[in-house]
Amino acid sequence: MKIILTLTALSALLLTSVFAAKPYPLNYCVVTDNELGSMGKVVTKVYGDQQIKFCCKPCVAKFEKNPAKYLAKLP
């Protein structure tokens, strides 16, 4: 029972952080400049208080190596 409550609380916290984040303002990937959806399913992550959308999973790893470089592209 304790595990279920903990998982429920964790899930609620994660969902709250995604919905509380600033929405991603671009219609293209911040890493490659490819149109979102052009490489398949869009990947969405939250970095700090900002939602970031990527054209594919490999872009997430590139972003995480140097987030400041890519965050500077946001308006």
Protein backbone atom coordinates (compact mmCIF):
# COMPACT_ATOMS: atom_id res chain seq x y z
CA MET A 1 0.00 0.00 0.00
CA LYS A 2 2.82 2.40 0.90
CA ILE A 3 4.54 1.76 -2.44
CA ILE A 4 1.36 2.48 -4.39
CA LEU A 5 0.86 5.77 -2.56
CA THR A 6 4.48 6.75 -3.18
CA LEU A 7 4.20 5.95 -6.89
CA THR A 8 0.94 7.88 -7.12
CA ALA A 9 2.51 10.91 -5.45
CA LEU A 10 5.57 10.71 -7.70
CA SER A 11 3.39 10.46 -10.81
CA ALA A 12 1.37 13.49 -9.72
CA LEU A 13 4.55 15.48 -9.11
CA LEU A 14 5.95 14.62 -12.54
CA LEU A 15 2.71 15.49 -14.30
CA THR A 16 2.49 18.77 -12.40
CA SER A 17 6.02 19.74 -13.44
CA VAL A 18 5.27 19.03 -17.12
CA PHE A 19 2.08 21.11 -17.07
CA ALA A 20 3.61 23.91 -14.99
CA ALA A 21 6.57 24.34 -17.35
CA LYS A 22 6.68 27.17 -19.86
CA PRO A 23 5.41 25.86 -23.21
CA TYR A 24 7.90 25.24 -26.00
CA PRO A 25 7.65 28.26 -28.35
CA LEU A 26 9.13 26.79 -31.54
CA ASN A 27 7.76 24.47 -34.24
CA TYR A 28 11.17 22.94 -34.88
CA CYS A 29 13.77 20.97 -32.92
CA VAL A 30 16.06 23.20 -30.87
CA VAL A 31 19.03 20.89 -31.68
CA THR A 32 18.75 20.18 -35.43
CA ASP A 33 16.23 22.81 -36.59
CA ASN A 34 14.18 19.96 -38.15
CA GLU A 35 10.43 20.47 -38.17
CA LEU A 36 8.84 18.76 -35.17
CA GLY A 37 7.28 15.48 -36.27
CA SER A 38 9.49 15.16 -39.35
CA MET A 39 11.58 12.42 -37.74
CA GLY A 40 8.70 10.52 -36.13
CA LYS A 41 7.18 10.99 -32.70
CA VAL A 42 8.11 14.26 -30.99
CA VAL A 43 10.02 13.84 -27.71
CA THR A 44 9.09 16.33 -24.96
CA LYS A 45 11.23 16.95 -21.87
CA VAL A 46 11.22 19.59 -19.14
CA TYR A 47 14.50 21.33 -18.37
CA GLY A 48 14.24 23.55 -15.31
CA ASP A 49 10.93 25.33 -15.85
CA GLN A 50 11.02 25.14 -19.66
CA GLN A 51 9.40 22.51 -21.84
CA ILE A 52 11.70 21.43 -24.69
CA LYS A 53 10.60 19.46 -27.76
CA PHE A 54 12.93 17.37 -29.89
CA CYS A 55 12.52 15.78 -33.31
CA CYS A 56 13.97 12.45 -32.06
CA LYS A 57 15.55 10.73 -29.04
CA PRO A 58 19.20 11.26 -30.13
CA CYS A 59 18.64 15.02 -29.94
CA VAL A 60 17.87 14.73 -26.22
CA ALA A 61 21.38 13.37 -25.57
CA LYS A 62 22.94 16.15 -27.67
CA PHE A 63 20.93 18.76 -25.76
CA GLU A 64 21.94 17.34 -22.38
CA LYS A 65 25.66 17.66 -23.26
CA ASN A 66 25.33 21.44 -23.66
CA PRO A 67 21.87 22.73 -22.68
CA ALA A 68 22.94 26.40 -22.50
CA LYS A 69 23.86 26.35 -26.20
CA TYR A 70 20.38 25.20 -27.19
CA LEU A 71 18.41 27.18 -24.60
CA ALA A 72 19.98 30.33 -26.06
CA LYS A 73 17.95 29.64 -29.25
CA LEU A 74 14.65 30.10 -27.42
CA PRO A 75 12.94 33.48 -27.71
